[in-house]
Amino acid sequence: MVPIILTSLFMWILIIERLIYFRQKDDIDLDQILKGNFPYVSKGVRSRVVTSFLKECTGRKEIDRNILEQCVMRERPAIRRHLTAISILAAIAPLLGLLGTVMGMITTFNVIAIFGTGNAKAMANGISEALITTQSGLTVAIPGLFMSNFLNRQANRLENSLDRMVMELKRSIR
C-alpha cells in the first residue's frame, strides 16, 4: 500500500502543477501586437513568447523570423513538462495493485499450507490484502489516466494556439 500511496501523491502533485500552468492567464490581442501595441505582460506562454521576441527583434525580416522561432522553441518544452511522468505513474498504479494481489494470495496459500482450509479468519486476511491493494491501484490509476489525457489535450490546444500566433506574427514581420 505504501508504494501505491506514494505513487498517488507524487502523481497528484504533478497534475496540480500542470493544472496551474495551463490556467495561467494568456489574454493576448494579436491585432494590438500587430499594430505595435503590447501594453501589458501576462503570465501565459504566448505572452512570454511575444515579450521575449519584442525584446530581441532586430528589424530585419529573416533574422526576426529566426528569433521568433527561437523564442517559441524556448517555451515549447515547458508545455509538455511532467506529462509523460503523470502517464507513467498512472500506468504503474494498477501494477502495484497487482503486486499486492499476488502478495495477498501468497499469504492466503501459506495459511492454507500451514492450517489447511479450516482457519477461515486467517485466509480472509490474505484475501482482504489482495482485494484492497487491487482496489487501491485502480482507484489511483483511473483518475490518473483521465487527468493525463485531459492534460495532453490542454497541451495540444496550447501548442496549436501558439503555432497560430507564430504564423500570424511571421506574416506581419516586415
N, C-alpha and C. Protein backbone atom coordinates (compact mmCIF):
# COMPACT_ATOMS: atom_id res chain seq x y z
N MET A 1 0.82 -1.21 0.00
CA MET A 1 0.00 0.00 0.00
C MET A 1 0.86 1.27 0.00
N VAL A 2 1.99 1.23 0.67
CA VAL A 2 2.84 2.43 0.75
C VAL A 2 3.29 2.87 -0.65
N PRO A 3 3.76 1.96 -1.53
CA PRO A 3 4.13 2.42 -2.87
C PRO A 3 2.95 3.01 -3.66
N ILE A 4 1.77 2.46 -3.46
CA ILE A 4 0.59 2.99 -4.15
C ILE A 4 0.28 4.40 -3.64
N ILE A 5 0.36 4.60 -2.34
CA ILE A 5 0.09 5.92 -1.77
C ILE A 5 1.13 6.93 -2.25
N LEU A 6 2.40 6.55 -2.25
CA LEU A 6 3.46 7.46 -2.71
C LEU A 6 3.30 7.79 -4.20
N THR A 7 2.96 6.78 -4.98
CA THR A 7 2.71 6.99 -6.42
C THR A 7 1.58 7.98 -6.61
N SER A 8 0.52 7.79 -5.86
CA SER A 8 -0.63 8.67 -5.96
C SER A 8 -0.28 10.11 -5.58
N LEU A 9 0.41 10.27 -4.47
CA LEU A 9 0.79 11.62 -4.03
C LEU A 9 1.66 12.33 -5.06
N PHE A 10 2.68 11.64 -5.53
CA PHE A 10 3.59 12.24 -6.50
C PHE A 10 2.84 12.58 -7.79
N MET A 11 1.98 11.67 -8.25
CA MET A 11 1.22 11.90 -9.48
C MET A 11 0.32 13.13 -9.32
N TRP A 12 -0.37 13.25 -8.18
CA TRP A 12 -1.29 14.38 -8.00
C TRP A 12 -0.55 15.69 -7.80
N ILE A 13 0.63 15.67 -7.24
CA ILE A 13 1.43 16.90 -7.16
C ILE A 13 1.76 17.38 -8.57
N LEU A 14 2.17 16.46 -9.44
CA LEU A 14 2.48 16.83 -10.83
C LEU A 14 1.23 17.30 -11.57
N ILE A 15 0.11 16.64 -11.34
CA ILE A 15 -1.14 17.03 -12.00
C ILE A 15 -1.54 18.44 -11.58
N ILE A 16 -1.48 18.73 -10.30
CA ILE A 16 -1.86 20.06 -9.82
C ILE A 16 -0.92 21.12 -10.39
N GLU A 17 0.37 20.81 -10.45
CA GLU A 17 1.32 21.77 -11.05
C GLU A 17 0.96 22.06 -12.50
N ARG A 18 0.61 21.03 -13.26
CA ARG A 18 0.24 21.21 -14.66
C ARG A 18 -1.07 21.97 -14.80
N LEU A 19 -2.04 21.70 -13.93
CA LEU A 19 -3.31 22.44 -13.98
C LEU A 19 -3.08 23.92 -13.73
N ILE A 20 -2.24 24.23 -12.78
CA ILE A 20 -1.91 25.64 -12.51
C ILE A 20 -1.23 26.26 -13.72
N TYR A 21 -0.31 25.54 -14.33
CA TYR A 21 0.41 26.05 -15.51
C TYR A 21 -0.57 26.35 -16.65
N PHE A 22 -1.50 25.43 -16.91
CA PHE A 22 -2.42 25.62 -18.03
C PHE A 22 -3.50 26.66 -17.73
N ARG A 23 -3.69 27.00 -16.48
CA ARG A 23 -4.69 28.01 -16.11
C ARG A 23 -4.13 29.43 -16.12
N GLN A 24 -2.84 29.57 -16.37
CA GLN A 24 -2.26 30.91 -16.39
C GLN A 24 -2.95 31.77 -17.44
N LYS A 25 -3.22 32.98 -17.05
CA LYS A 25 -3.90 33.92 -17.93
C LYS A 25 -3.03 34.20 -19.14
N ASP A 26 -3.62 34.14 -20.32
CA ASP A 26 -2.87 34.39 -21.56
C ASP A 26 -3.74 35.20 -22.51
N ASP A 27 -4.17 36.36 -22.05
CA ASP A 27 -5.03 37.21 -22.87
C ASP A 27 -4.17 38.05 -23.80
N ILE A 28 -3.96 37.53 -24.98
CA ILE A 28 -3.16 38.26 -25.97
C ILE A 28 -4.09 38.72 -27.07
N ASP A 29 -4.02 40.00 -27.40
CA ASP A 29 -4.78 40.53 -28.52
C ASP A 29 -3.80 40.68 -29.68
N LEU A 30 -3.86 39.71 -30.59
CA LEU A 30 -2.90 39.67 -31.69
C LEU A 30 -3.00 40.91 -32.57
N ASP A 31 -4.20 41.46 -32.73
CA ASP A 31 -4.36 42.68 -33.53
C ASP A 31 -3.59 43.85 -32.92
N GLN A 32 -3.62 43.96 -31.59
CA GLN A 32 -2.87 45.03 -30.91
C GLN A 32 -1.37 44.84 -31.09
N ILE A 33 -0.92 43.59 -31.02
CA ILE A 33 0.50 43.31 -31.19
C ILE A 33 0.95 43.67 -32.60
N LEU A 34 0.14 43.28 -33.58
CA LEU A 34 0.49 43.57 -34.97
C LEU A 34 0.51 45.07 -35.26
N LYS A 35 -0.26 45.84 -34.50
CA LYS A 35 -0.25 47.30 -34.66
C LYS A 35 0.92 47.93 -33.89
N GLY A 36 1.67 47.09 -33.16
CA GLY A 36 2.81 47.60 -32.40
C GLY A 36 2.47 47.90 -30.96
N ASN A 37 1.29 47.55 -30.52
CA ASN A 37 0.84 47.79 -29.16
C ASN A 37 0.91 46.51 -28.35
N PHE A 38 1.69 46.50 -27.33
CA PHE A 38 1.72 45.36 -26.41
C PHE A 38 1.77 45.94 -25.01
N PRO A 39 0.61 46.44 -24.53
CA PRO A 39 0.59 47.25 -23.32
C PRO A 39 0.78 46.51 -22.00
N TYR A 40 0.64 45.22 -21.98
CA TYR A 40 0.70 44.50 -20.72
C TYR A 40 1.47 43.21 -20.90
N VAL A 41 1.85 42.63 -19.79
CA VAL A 41 2.53 41.35 -19.82
C VAL A 41 1.75 40.41 -18.91
N SER A 42 1.24 39.32 -19.47
CA SER A 42 0.58 38.32 -18.64
C SER A 42 1.54 37.15 -18.46
N LYS A 43 1.10 36.15 -17.72
CA LYS A 43 2.00 35.06 -17.38
C LYS A 43 1.91 33.89 -18.35
N GLY A 44 1.09 33.98 -19.36
CA GLY A 44 0.90 32.86 -20.27
C GLY A 44 2.07 32.64 -21.22
N VAL A 45 2.05 31.47 -21.85
CA VAL A 45 3.12 31.08 -22.78
C VAL A 45 3.18 32.03 -23.97
N ARG A 46 2.04 32.31 -24.55
CA ARG A 46 2.03 33.18 -25.73
C ARG A 46 2.56 34.57 -25.38
N SER A 47 2.19 35.07 -24.23
CA SER A 47 2.69 36.38 -23.80
C SER A 47 4.20 36.37 -23.59
N ARG A 48 4.70 35.30 -23.00
CA ARG A 48 6.16 35.21 -22.80
C ARG A 48 6.89 35.16 -24.14
N VAL A 49 6.33 34.43 -25.10
CA VAL A 49 6.96 34.35 -26.43
C VAL A 49 6.99 35.74 -27.06
N VAL A 50 5.86 36.43 -27.04
CA VAL A 50 5.80 37.76 -27.66
C VAL A 50 6.73 38.74 -26.93
N THR A 51 6.74 38.69 -25.62
CA THR A 51 7.61 39.59 -24.85
C THR A 51 9.08 39.35 -25.18
N SER A 52 9.49 38.08 -25.18
CA SER A 52 10.90 37.81 -25.49
C SER A 52 11.23 38.16 -26.93
N PHE A 53 10.29 37.94 -27.85
CA PHE A 53 10.52 38.31 -29.25
C PHE A 53 10.67 39.82 -29.40
N LEU A 54 9.79 40.58 -28.75
CA LEU A 54 9.87 42.04 -28.87
C LEU A 54 11.17 42.59 -28.27
N LYS A 55 11.69 41.93 -27.25
CA LYS A 55 12.96 42.37 -26.66
C LYS A 55 14.14 42.08 -27.57
N GLU A 56 14.04 40.98 -28.36
CA GLU A 56 15.18 40.53 -29.15
C GLU A 56 15.10 40.91 -30.63
N CYS A 57 13.95 41.37 -31.11
CA CYS A 57 13.82 41.61 -32.55
C CYS A 57 14.77 42.71 -33.03
N THR A 58 15.21 42.57 -34.28
CA THR A 58 16.22 43.47 -34.84
C THR A 58 15.68 44.40 -35.91
N GLY A 59 14.54 44.06 -36.47
CA GLY A 59 14.00 44.85 -37.57
C GLY A 59 14.34 44.27 -38.93
N ARG A 60 15.15 43.22 -38.97
CA ARG A 60 15.47 42.55 -40.23
C ARG A 60 14.62 41.30 -40.34
N LYS A 61 13.95 41.16 -41.48
CA LYS A 61 12.90 40.16 -41.69
C LYS A 61 13.35 38.73 -41.38
N GLU A 62 14.39 38.25 -42.01
CA GLU A 62 14.83 36.86 -41.85
C GLU A 62 15.36 36.59 -40.44
N ILE A 63 16.10 37.53 -39.93
CA ILE A 63 16.65 37.35 -38.58
C ILE A 63 15.52 37.34 -37.55
N ASP A 64 14.55 38.24 -37.73
CA ASP A 64 13.42 38.29 -36.80
C ASP A 64 12.58 37.01 -36.84
N ARG A 65 12.42 36.44 -38.00
CA ARG A 65 11.68 35.17 -38.09
C ARG A 65 12.42 34.06 -37.34
N ASN A 66 13.74 34.03 -37.47
CA ASN A 66 14.53 33.05 -36.73
C ASN A 66 14.47 33.31 -35.22
N ILE A 67 14.50 34.57 -34.84
CA ILE A 67 14.39 34.92 -33.42
C ILE A 67 13.04 34.48 -32.87
N LEU A 68 11.98 34.69 -33.65
CA LEU A 68 10.65 34.26 -33.22
C LEU A 68 10.60 32.75 -33.02
N GLU A 69 11.20 32.01 -33.95
CA GLU A 69 11.25 30.55 -33.81
C GLU A 69 12.03 30.14 -32.55
N GLN A 70 13.12 30.82 -32.28
CA GLN A 70 13.90 30.51 -31.08
C GLN A 70 13.12 30.81 -29.81
N CYS A 71 12.38 31.91 -29.82
CA CYS A 71 11.55 32.24 -28.65
C CYS A 71 10.50 31.16 -28.40
N VAL A 72 9.92 30.65 -29.47
CA VAL A 72 8.92 29.58 -29.34
C VAL A 72 9.58 28.30 -28.85
N MET A 73 10.74 27.98 -29.40
CA MET A 73 11.43 26.74 -29.02
C MET A 73 11.86 26.76 -27.55
N ARG A 74 12.12 27.93 -27.00
CA ARG A 74 12.47 28.02 -25.58
C ARG A 74 11.26 27.72 -24.69
N GLU A 75 10.09 28.09 -25.14
CA GLU A 75 8.87 27.89 -24.33
C GLU A 75 8.23 26.52 -24.54
N ARG A 76 8.44 25.91 -25.69
CA ARG A 76 7.75 24.66 -26.03
C ARG A 76 7.97 23.51 -25.04
N PRO A 77 9.19 23.27 -24.53
CA PRO A 77 9.36 22.16 -23.59
C PRO A 77 8.53 22.30 -22.31
N ALA A 78 8.29 23.52 -21.88
CA ALA A 78 7.52 23.74 -20.65
C ALA A 78 6.07 23.30 -20.80
N ILE A 79 5.57 23.29 -22.02
CA ILE A 79 4.17 22.93 -22.24
C ILE A 79 3.92 21.47 -21.90
N ARG A 80 4.84 20.60 -22.25
CA ARG A 80 4.65 19.16 -22.04
C ARG A 80 5.40 18.60 -20.83
N ARG A 81 5.95 19.50 -20.02
CA ARG A 81 6.72 19.06 -18.84
C ARG A 81 5.84 18.22 -17.91
N HIS A 82 6.36 17.12 -17.46
CA HIS A 82 5.75 16.19 -16.50
C HIS A 82 4.59 15.36 -17.06
N LEU A 83 4.16 15.57 -18.29
CA LEU A 83 3.02 14.81 -18.80
C LEU A 83 3.35 13.34 -18.96
N THR A 84 4.55 13.03 -19.39
CA THR A 84 4.96 11.63 -19.50
C THR A 84 5.03 10.98 -18.13
N ALA A 85 5.57 11.69 -17.15
CA ALA A 85 5.67 11.15 -15.80
C ALA A 85 4.28 10.86 -15.22
N ILE A 86 3.32 11.74 -15.48
CA ILE A 86 1.96 11.51 -15.00
C ILE A 86 1.38 10.25 -15.63
N SER A 87 1.58 10.09 -16.93
CA SER A 87 1.08 8.89 -17.61
C SER A 87 1.72 7.62 -17.07
N ILE A 88 3.00 7.68 -16.83
CA ILE A 88 3.72 6.50 -16.31
C ILE A 88 3.25 6.17 -14.90
N LEU A 89 3.10 7.17 -14.05
CA LEU A 89 2.64 6.91 -12.69
C LEU A 89 1.23 6.33 -12.68
N ALA A 90 0.37 6.83 -13.58
CA ALA A 90 -0.99 6.29 -13.67
C ALA A 90 -0.96 4.85 -14.15
N ALA A 91 -0.03 4.51 -15.02
CA ALA A 91 0.07 3.14 -15.53
C ALA A 91 0.71 2.20 -14.51
N ILE A 92 1.56 2.71 -13.65
CA ILE A 92 2.23 1.90 -12.64
C ILE A 92 1.28 1.50 -11.51
N ALA A 93 0.34 2.37 -11.18
CA ALA A 93 -0.54 2.14 -10.03
C ALA A 93 -1.27 0.79 -10.07
N PRO A 94 -1.90 0.41 -11.20
CA PRO A 94 -2.56 -0.91 -11.18
C PRO A 94 -1.55 -2.06 -11.09
N LEU A 95 -0.35 -1.85 -11.59
CA LEU A 95 0.67 -2.90 -11.46
C LEU A 95 1.07 -3.08 -10.00
N LEU A 96 1.17 -1.98 -9.27
CA LEU A 96 1.45 -2.08 -7.84
C LEU A 96 0.29 -2.77 -7.12
N GLY A 97 -0.93 -2.48 -7.56
CA GLY A 97 -2.10 -3.16 -7.01
C GLY A 97 -2.06 -4.65 -7.30
N LEU A 98 -1.63 -5.00 -8.50
CA LEU A 98 -1.49 -6.41 -8.86
C LEU A 98 -0.42 -7.09 -8.01
N LEU A 99 0.66 -6.38 -7.76
CA LEU A 99 1.70 -6.93 -6.89
C LEU A 99 1.14 -7.22 -5.49
N GLY A 100 0.34 -6.29 -4.98
CA GLY A 100 -0.29 -6.51 -3.69
C GLY A 100 -1.26 -7.68 -3.72
N THR A 101 -1.93 -7.86 -4.86
CA THR A 101 -2.84 -9.01 -5.01
C THR A 101 -2.06 -10.31 -4.92
N VAL A 102 -0.97 -10.36 -5.63
CA VAL A 102 -0.14 -11.57 -5.61
C VAL A 102 0.38 -11.83 -4.19
N MET A 103 0.83 -10.79 -3.51
CA MET A 103 1.33 -10.96 -2.15
C MET A 103 0.22 -11.44 -1.21
N GLY A 104 -0.98 -10.89 -1.38
CA GLY A 104 -2.11 -11.33 -0.56
C GLY A 104 -2.47 -12.79 -0.81
N MET A 105 -2.41 -13.19 -2.06
CA MET A 105 -2.73 -14.59 -2.39
C MET A 105 -1.65 -15.52 -1.86
N ILE A 106 -0.40 -15.08 -1.89
CA ILE A 106 0.68 -15.90 -1.32
C ILE A 106 0.45 -16.08 0.18
N THR A 107 0.05 -15.01 0.85
CA THR A 107 -0.27 -15.10 2.28
C THR A 107 -1.40 -16.10 2.51
N THR A 108 -2.43 -16.03 1.66
CA THR A 108 -3.55 -16.96 1.79
C THR A 108 -3.10 -18.40 1.60
N PHE A 109 -2.29 -18.65 0.58
CA PHE A 109 -1.82 -20.02 0.33
C PHE A 109 -0.90 -20.52 1.44
N ASN A 110 -0.11 -19.62 2.03
CA ASN A 110 0.72 -20.01 3.18
C ASN A 110 -0.14 -20.43 4.37
N VAL A 111 -1.22 -19.69 4.60
CA VAL A 111 -2.14 -20.04 5.68
C VAL A 111 -2.77 -21.41 5.41
N ILE A 112 -3.17 -21.62 4.15
CA ILE A 112 -3.77 -22.91 3.79
C ILE A 112 -2.75 -24.04 3.98
N ALA A 113 -1.50 -23.77 3.60
CA ALA A 113 -0.46 -24.80 3.74
C ALA A 113 -0.20 -25.14 5.20
N ILE A 114 -0.29 -24.15 6.07
CA ILE A 114 0.02 -24.38 7.48
C ILE A 114 -1.20 -24.92 8.24
N PHE A 115 -2.36 -24.27 8.07
CA PHE A 115 -3.53 -24.60 8.87
C PHE A 115 -4.60 -25.38 8.11
N GLY A 116 -4.44 -25.49 6.80
CA GLY A 116 -5.50 -26.11 5.99
C GLY A 116 -6.60 -25.09 5.75
N THR A 117 -7.73 -25.57 5.26
CA THR A 117 -8.82 -24.65 4.94
C THR A 117 -9.73 -24.40 6.13
N GLY A 118 -9.37 -24.91 7.29
CA GLY A 118 -10.20 -24.77 8.47
C GLY A 118 -10.10 -23.42 9.15
N ASN A 119 -9.09 -22.64 8.86
CA ASN A 119 -8.92 -21.33 9.51
C ASN A 119 -9.35 -20.23 8.55
N ALA A 120 -10.64 -20.00 8.50
CA ALA A 120 -11.21 -19.03 7.55
C ALA A 120 -10.76 -17.60 7.86
N LYS A 121 -10.61 -17.27 9.14
CA LYS A 121 -10.21 -15.91 9.51
C LYS A 121 -8.81 -15.59 9.00
N ALA A 122 -7.89 -16.50 9.12
CA ALA A 122 -6.52 -16.28 8.63
C ALA A 122 -6.50 -16.18 7.11
N MET A 123 -7.32 -16.99 6.45
CA MET A 123 -7.39 -16.93 4.98
C MET A 123 -8.00 -15.60 4.53
N ALA A 124 -8.98 -15.13 5.27
CA ALA A 124 -9.65 -13.88 4.91
C ALA A 124 -8.69 -12.70 4.95
N ASN A 125 -7.72 -12.71 5.86
CA ASN A 125 -6.75 -11.62 5.92
C ASN A 125 -5.95 -11.51 4.62
N GLY A 126 -5.49 -12.63 4.10
CA GLY A 126 -4.74 -12.63 2.85
C GLY A 126 -5.59 -12.20 1.67
N ILE A 127 -6.83 -12.68 1.62
CA ILE A 127 -7.73 -12.29 0.53
C ILE A 127 -8.08 -10.81 0.63
N SER A 128 -8.29 -10.34 1.85
CA SER A 128 -8.57 -8.92 2.06
C SER A 128 -7.41 -8.06 1.58
N GLU A 129 -6.19 -8.46 1.92
CA GLU A 129 -5.00 -7.74 1.46
C GLU A 129 -4.96 -7.69 -0.07
N ALA A 130 -5.26 -8.80 -0.69
CA ALA A 130 -5.24 -8.88 -2.16
C ALA A 130 -6.27 -7.93 -2.78
N LEU A 131 -7.49 -7.93 -2.24
CA LEU A 131 -8.55 -7.10 -2.82
C LEU A 131 -8.34 -5.62 -2.56
N ILE A 132 -7.87 -5.28 -1.38
CA ILE A 132 -7.66 -3.86 -1.04
C ILE A 132 -6.57 -3.25 -1.92
N THR A 133 -5.48 -3.98 -2.13
CA THR A 133 -4.40 -3.41 -2.97
C THR A 133 -4.85 -3.30 -4.42
N THR A 134 -5.63 -4.26 -4.90
CA THR A 134 -6.15 -4.16 -6.27
C THR A 134 -7.05 -2.94 -6.40
N GLN A 135 -7.96 -2.78 -5.46
CA GLN A 135 -8.86 -1.64 -5.48
C GLN A 135 -8.09 -0.33 -5.40
N SER A 136 -7.10 -0.26 -4.54
CA SER A 136 -6.31 0.97 -4.38
C SER A 136 -5.55 1.31 -5.65
N GLY A 137 -4.96 0.31 -6.27
CA GLY A 137 -4.24 0.55 -7.53
C GLY A 137 -5.14 1.09 -8.61
N LEU A 138 -6.33 0.52 -8.73
CA LEU A 138 -7.29 1.00 -9.73
C LEU A 138 -7.84 2.38 -9.38
N THR A 139 -8.02 2.62 -8.08
CA THR A 139 -8.53 3.92 -7.64
C THR A 139 -7.54 5.03 -7.96
N VAL A 140 -6.28 4.73 -7.92
CA VAL A 140 -5.25 5.71 -8.28
C VAL A 140 -5.14 5.83 -9.80
N ALA A 141 -5.19 4.71 -10.50
CA ALA A 141 -4.92 4.69 -11.94
C ALA A 141 -6.02 5.35 -12.77
N ILE A 142 -7.27 5.09 -12.46
CA ILE A 142 -8.36 5.57 -13.32
C ILE A 142 -8.40 7.10 -13.38
N PRO A 143 -8.44 7.81 -12.25
CA PRO A 143 -8.40 9.27 -12.37
C PRO A 143 -7.07 9.78 -12.94
N GLY A 144 -5.98 9.06 -12.65
CA GLY A 144 -4.68 9.47 -13.19
C GLY A 144 -4.65 9.42 -14.72
N LEU A 145 -5.21 8.35 -15.28
CA LEU A 145 -5.27 8.24 -16.75
C LEU A 145 -6.20 9.30 -17.34
N PHE A 146 -7.31 9.54 -16.67
CA PHE A 146 -8.22 10.59 -17.12
C PHE A 146 -7.52 11.94 -17.14
N MET A 147 -6.84 12.27 -16.04
CA MET A 147 -6.15 13.56 -15.96
C MET A 147 -4.99 13.64 -16.95
N SER A 148 -4.33 12.53 -17.18
CA SER A 148 -3.24 12.51 -18.16
C SER A 148 -3.76 12.85 -19.55
N ASN A 149 -4.87 12.25 -19.92
CA ASN A 149 -5.47 12.55 -21.23
C ASN A 149 -5.95 13.99 -21.30
N PHE A 150 -6.57 14.47 -20.23
CA PHE A 150 -7.04 15.85 -20.18
C PHE A 150 -5.88 16.83 -20.34
N LEU A 151 -4.79 16.59 -19.61
CA LEU A 151 -3.64 17.49 -19.68
C LEU A 151 -2.95 17.43 -21.04
N ASN A 152 -2.92 16.25 -21.66
CA ASN A 152 -2.36 16.16 -23.02
C ASN A 152 -3.21 16.95 -24.01
N ARG A 153 -4.52 16.91 -23.86
CA ARG A 153 -5.39 17.72 -24.74
C ARG A 153 -5.15 19.21 -24.51
N GLN A 154 -4.97 19.60 -23.24
CA GLN A 154 -4.68 21.00 -22.95
C GLN A 154 -3.35 21.43 -23.58
N ALA A 155 -2.36 20.56 -23.51
CA ALA A 155 -1.05 20.87 -24.11
C ALA A 155 -1.19 21.01 -25.63
N ASN A 156 -1.96 20.12 -26.25
CA ASN A 156 -2.17 20.21 -27.70
C ASN A 156 -2.85 21.51 -28.07
N ARG A 157 -3.86 21.91 -27.30
CA ARG A 157 -4.56 23.17 -27.58
C ARG A 157 -3.62 24.36 -27.46
N LEU A 158 -2.82 24.34 -26.41
CA LEU A 158 -1.89 25.45 -26.20
C LEU A 158 -0.84 25.50 -27.32
N GLU A 159 -0.33 24.35 -27.72
CA GLU A 159 0.64 24.33 -28.82
C GLU A 159 0.01 24.81 -30.12
N ASN A 160 -1.22 24.40 -30.40
CA ASN A 160 -1.90 24.86 -31.61
C ASN A 160 -2.13 26.37 -31.58
N SER A 161 -2.52 26.87 -30.43
CA SER A 161 -2.73 28.31 -30.28
C SER A 161 -1.42 29.06 -30.48
N LEU A 162 -0.35 28.53 -29.93
CA LEU A 162 0.97 29.13 -30.09
C LEU A 162 1.39 29.11 -31.55
N ASP A 163 1.17 28.00 -32.24
CA ASP A 163 1.53 27.89 -33.66
C ASP A 163 0.74 28.88 -34.51
N ARG A 164 -0.56 29.05 -34.22
CA ARG A 164 -1.36 30.02 -34.97
C ARG A 164 -0.84 31.44 -34.76
N MET A 165 -0.50 31.75 -33.51
CA MET A 165 0.02 33.08 -33.22
C MET A 165 1.34 33.32 -33.93
N VAL A 166 2.21 32.33 -33.94
CA VAL A 166 3.51 32.46 -34.60
C VAL A 166 3.34 32.67 -36.10
N MET A 167 2.42 31.93 -36.70
CA MET A 167 2.18 32.11 -38.14
C MET A 167 1.71 33.53 -38.44
N GLU A 168 0.81 34.05 -37.61
CA GLU A 168 0.34 35.42 -37.80
C GLU A 168 1.47 36.43 -37.62
N LEU A 169 2.28 36.21 -36.61
CA LEU A 169 3.41 37.14 -36.38
C LEU A 169 4.42 37.07 -37.52
N LYS A 170 4.68 35.87 -38.03
CA LYS A 170 5.63 35.72 -39.15
C LYS A 170 5.13 36.47 -40.38
N ARG A 171 3.82 36.39 -40.62
CA ARG A 171 3.25 37.09 -41.78
C ARG A 171 3.38 38.60 -41.63
N SER A 172 3.35 39.06 -40.39
CA SER A 172 3.36 40.51 -40.19
C SER A 172 4.77 41.08 -40.11
N ILE A 173 5.77 40.24 -39.97
CA ILE A 173 7.15 40.74 -39.86
C ILE A 173 7.57 41.36 -41.19
N ARG A 174 8.02 42.58 -41.10
CA ARG A 174 8.42 43.31 -42.32
C ARG A 174 9.89 43.61 -42.26
